[in-house]
Every structure is written in C-alpha cells, then in structure tokens.
Protein backbone atom coordinates (compact mmCIF):
# COMPACT_ATOMS: atom_id res chain seq x y z
CA MET A 1 67.68 93.11 94.17
CA THR A 2 67.09 95.14 97.32
CA ALA A 3 68.54 98.63 97.59
CA ARG A 4 71.01 99.08 100.45
CA PHE A 5 70.35 102.82 100.69
CA ALA A 6 67.19 104.93 100.70
CA PRO A 7 66.51 108.55 99.74
CA GLY A 8 67.93 110.84 102.41
CA ASP A 9 70.72 108.45 103.46
CA PRO A 10 74.18 109.98 103.77
CA VAL A 11 76.75 108.10 101.69
CA ARG A 12 80.36 108.42 100.64
CA VAL A 13 81.80 107.37 97.29
CA ARG A 14 84.46 104.74 97.84
CA PRO A 15 87.96 106.12 97.38
CA GLY A 16 90.63 104.48 95.31
CA ALA A 17 91.33 103.60 91.75
CA LYS A 18 90.13 100.62 89.79
CA PRO A 19 91.81 99.63 86.53
CA GLY A 20 89.81 99.63 83.34
CA HIS A 21 86.43 101.09 82.50
CA VAL A 22 84.87 102.89 85.48
CA ARG A 23 81.56 104.77 85.49
CA THR A 24 82.25 106.78 88.66
CA PRO A 25 84.07 110.09 88.09
CA ASP A 26 87.39 110.42 89.93
CA TYR A 27 86.39 113.79 91.40
CA LEU A 28 83.61 112.05 93.38
CA LYS A 29 85.80 109.37 94.96
CA GLY A 30 86.04 109.81 98.72
CA LYS A 31 83.39 112.56 98.69
CA PRO A 32 80.24 112.66 100.85
CA GLY A 33 76.78 112.91 99.37
CA GLN A 34 73.13 112.15 99.98
CA VAL A 35 70.94 109.64 98.17
CA GLU A 36 68.21 111.54 96.32
CA ALA A 37 66.53 108.58 94.56
CA VAL A 38 66.82 104.87 93.89
CA LEU A 39 66.80 104.55 90.09
CA GLY A 40 66.50 100.76 89.82
CA ALA A 41 68.77 97.77 89.19
CA TYR A 42 70.72 97.41 85.96
CA PRO A 43 73.49 95.25 84.52
CA ASN A 44 76.91 96.50 85.65
CA PRO A 45 78.20 98.81 82.87
CA GLU A 46 81.78 98.28 84.04
CA ASP A 47 81.41 94.62 82.99
CA LEU A 48 79.31 95.32 79.90
CA ALA A 49 82.16 97.45 78.53
CA TYR A 50 84.21 94.24 78.25
CA GLY A 51 81.49 92.17 76.62
CA LEU A 52 80.50 90.42 79.86
CA SER A 53 76.91 89.85 80.98
CA GLY A 54 76.87 92.60 83.61
CA GLU A 55 75.42 90.15 86.12
CA PRO A 56 74.67 90.37 88.92
CA VAL A 57 72.68 93.54 88.41
CA ARG A 58 73.64 96.59 90.47
CA VAL A 59 71.38 99.18 92.09
CA LEU A 60 71.79 102.69 90.67
CA TYR A 61 71.23 105.82 92.77
CA LYS A 62 70.89 109.53 92.10
CA VAL A 63 73.27 111.12 94.62
CA GLY A 64 73.53 114.82 95.46
CA PHE A 65 76.90 116.33 96.39
CA ARG A 66 77.45 119.76 97.93
CA GLN A 67 79.55 121.81 95.54
CA ASP A 68 81.78 123.07 98.36
CA ALA A 69 82.57 119.45 99.31
CA LEU A 70 83.78 118.77 95.76
CA TRP A 71 85.67 121.93 94.85
CA PRO A 72 87.98 123.60 97.42
CA ASP A 73 87.70 127.03 95.77
CA TYR A 74 83.91 126.94 95.30
CA GLU A 75 82.35 130.33 96.12
CA GLY A 76 78.76 129.84 94.96
CA PRO A 77 75.60 129.34 97.00
CA PRO A 78 76.20 126.97 99.96
CA ASP A 79 73.15 124.84 99.15
CA GLU A 80 74.01 124.27 95.48
CA ARG A 81 74.51 120.60 94.57
CA LEU A 82 75.90 118.48 91.78
CA TYR A 83 73.89 115.33 91.00
CA ALA A 84 75.39 112.12 89.68
CA ASP A 85 74.14 108.59 89.06
CA VAL A 86 76.32 106.22 91.09
CA TYR A 87 76.11 102.43 91.31
CA GLU A 88 75.78 100.84 94.75
CA HIS A 89 79.14 99.06 94.67
CA TRP A 90 80.81 102.49 94.65
CA LEU A 91 78.94 103.72 97.76
CA GLU A 92 79.49 103.21 101.47
CA PRO A 93 77.43 104.48 104.40
CA GLY A 94 78.26 107.76 106.04
CA GLY A 95 79.60 111.10 105.16
CA GLU A 96 77.96 114.44 105.68
CA ALA A 97 75.52 115.40 102.98
C-alpha cells in the first residue's frame, strides 16, 4: 500500500464521531498537525476489535501536533508538540502544523 502523505506534510485529523471502537483520540479530531514519519501499513485495529480481518491494511503515521492548537489554555513553550500515531483514514490534507 502506498502512503498518501510524506514526512513534513501538513494534515488535519478528520472531525466527527464514529460509533464503536476508535483508535483516534477525540481531542485530536479536527486538529491540524504535521506528518513526522510513515510507520508502515497494518491491519485496521478498528476492525480487528470486532474479530474482523482488518483488511485492507491501513497506513499508520506519526503525527506531531502543536500543544497550543490542542489546548486553548496552553501556556508552555510555543514549539512543544504532542505526538500520536494516526491511521491514514483519519487524516486529510491541510491544516497548519
């Protein structure tokens, strides 16, 4: 499977709720970030949780998020980031990293 995004690409986590088991934290939904690394392709854990095959595989990324973009009252260093592993189907292009 070919990765849609590359390190350095600005991305945004798709907003909205999905019923059931979800691997993407709610506090990241709708937030901008930057791809730090492509971690490979793996079976979809959201399907595996229900005993399904997890196919097709999904690309997993390490994404960095500015703390001040996540937390309105954040007062720490402006360049401090939170890193999360996010599957490709939760990401869309754009956003300011």
